[in-house]
């Protein structure tokens, strides 16, 4: 489903915008994991 979304964004706005959406989507779980690790530090 994500691939179809990025394909749609690519054809509407170009490769840069599609890459930015993909980077933001990958940033969310990364930040979530960083916050989880930071909360475990004594």
C-alpha atoms as a PDB file:
ATOM      1  CA  UNK A   1       0.000   0.000   0.000  1.00  0.00           C
ATOM      2  CA  UNK A   2       2.867   2.339   0.817  1.00  0.00           C
ATOM      3  CA  UNK A   3       4.435   1.722  -2.572  1.00  0.00           C
ATOM      4  CA  UNK A   4       1.260   2.830  -4.323  1.00  0.00           C
ATOM      5  CA  UNK A   5       1.162   5.961  -2.199  1.00  0.00           C
ATOM      6  CA  UNK A   6       4.786   6.842  -2.993  1.00  0.00           C
ATOM      7  CA  UNK A   7       4.187   6.114  -6.671  1.00  0.00           C
ATOM      8  CA  UNK A   8       1.228   8.500  -6.649  1.00  0.00           C
ATOM      9  CA  UNK A   9       3.294  11.180  -4.888  1.00  0.00           C
ATOM     10  CA  UNK A  10       6.137  10.597  -7.359  1.00  0.00           C
ATOM     11  CA  UNK A  11       3.925  11.130 -10.402  1.00  0.00           C
ATOM     12  CA  UNK A  12       2.161  14.145  -8.879  1.00  0.00           C
ATOM     13  CA  UNK A  13       5.126  15.969  -7.314  1.00  0.00           C
ATOM     14  CA  UNK A  14       8.384  14.381  -8.415  1.00  0.00           C
ATOM     15  CA  UNK A  15      11.049  12.208  -6.922  1.00  0.00           C
ATOM     16  CA  UNK A  16      12.284  14.664  -4.264  1.00  0.00           C
ATOM     17  CA  UNK A  17       8.885  14.995  -2.586  1.00  0.00           C
ATOM     18  CA  UNK A  18       8.411  11.236  -2.720  1.00  0.00           C
ATOM     19  CA  UNK A  19      11.798  10.718  -1.079  1.00  0.00           C
ATOM     20  CA  UNK A  20      10.956  13.243   1.640  1.00  0.00           C
ATOM     21  CA  UNK A  21       7.675  11.452   2.419  1.00  0.00           C
ATOM     22  CA  UNK A  22       9.531   8.143   2.585  1.00  0.00           C
ATOM     23  CA  UNK A  23      12.218   9.598   4.856  1.00  0.00           C
ATOM     24  CA  UNK A  24       9.580  11.062   7.179  1.00  0.00           C
ATOM     25  CA  UNK A  25       7.735   7.731   7.284  1.00  0.00           C
ATOM     26  CA  UNK A  26      10.982   5.957   8.251  1.00  0.00           C
ATOM     27  CA  UNK A  27      11.794   8.649  10.814  1.00  0.00           C
ATOM     28  CA  UNK A  28       8.691   7.934  12.911  1.00  0.00           C
ATOM     29  CA  UNK A  29       9.665   4.429  14.107  1.00  0.00           C
ATOM     30  CA  UNK A  30      13.268   5.567  14.533  1.00  0.00           C
ATOM     31  CA  UNK A  31      12.237   8.383  16.878  1.00  0.00           C
ATOM     32  CA  UNK A  32       9.870   6.058  18.691  1.00  0.00           C
ATOM     33  CA  UNK A  33      12.717   3.601  19.317  1.00  0.00           C
ATOM     34  CA  UNK A  34      15.050   6.398  20.433  1.00  0.00           C
ATOM     35  CA  UNK A  35      12.469   7.627  22.941  1.00  0.00           C
ATOM     36  CA  UNK A  36      11.933   4.079  24.216  1.00  0.00           C
ATOM     37  CA  UNK A  37      15.677   3.571  24.725  1.00  0.00           C
ATOM     38  CA  UNK A  38      16.067   6.984  26.375  1.00  0.00           C
ATOM     39  CA  UNK A  39      13.281   6.196  28.835  1.00  0.00           C
ATOM     40  CA  UNK A  40      15.053   2.973  29.901  1.00  0.00           C
ATOM     41  CA  UNK A  41      18.318   4.695  30.839  1.00  0.00           C
ATOM     42  CA  UNK A  42      18.581   4.885  34.650  1.00  0.00           C
END
